[in-house]
Amino acid sequence: MTVLIRTLLATDRADWDRMWTAYLEFYESEVPAHVYDITFARLIDPKRLSQHCLIAEKNRKPVGLAHYIYHTHNWRIDDVCYLQDLFVDPNLRGRGVGRTLIEAVYEAADINGSPAVYWMTQDFNTNARQLYDRIGELTPFIKYSR
């Protein structure tokens, strides 16, 4: 399957809303409308150099997204890259779209001089973890939050 990976455009708002909503619903989460507005504005703002979104397109239709953020790290000189959100339309999962998005984030991070890329998922996300086990390295860290 041929998939085009490109940056998020202002004209992608409806498709981005659809995909990010589906992503949040999968994780039984939701955010208020103003968070959608602010996040989208940040993602398309060329002056914001740390926050990004890639879109996967099939037949000119957005079918996936990857949000990633560069940040400093106390154990490294270079920034690291956090792949915060990864979504692929359910009817295209298992067909290489997620892998292509992750590899595009890897490439963007390399170009940025950020060779370390990391992400998290929930332990029950077994389908995605099959891909992650092939394309990344499972770490022993456990996440805590406030």
Foldseek 3Di string as FASTA:
>chain_A
DDKDKDWDDPVCLVVVVVFVVVQQVVVPHDDDPVVSVVLVCLQHDPVNPFWHKMFIDDPNHTFKMWIKGWDDDPVDPGTAIEGETITGHPVCPPPCRRVVRVVVVCVVCVVSVHNHYDYDDDPVPVSVVVVCVVVHDDDPDDDDDD
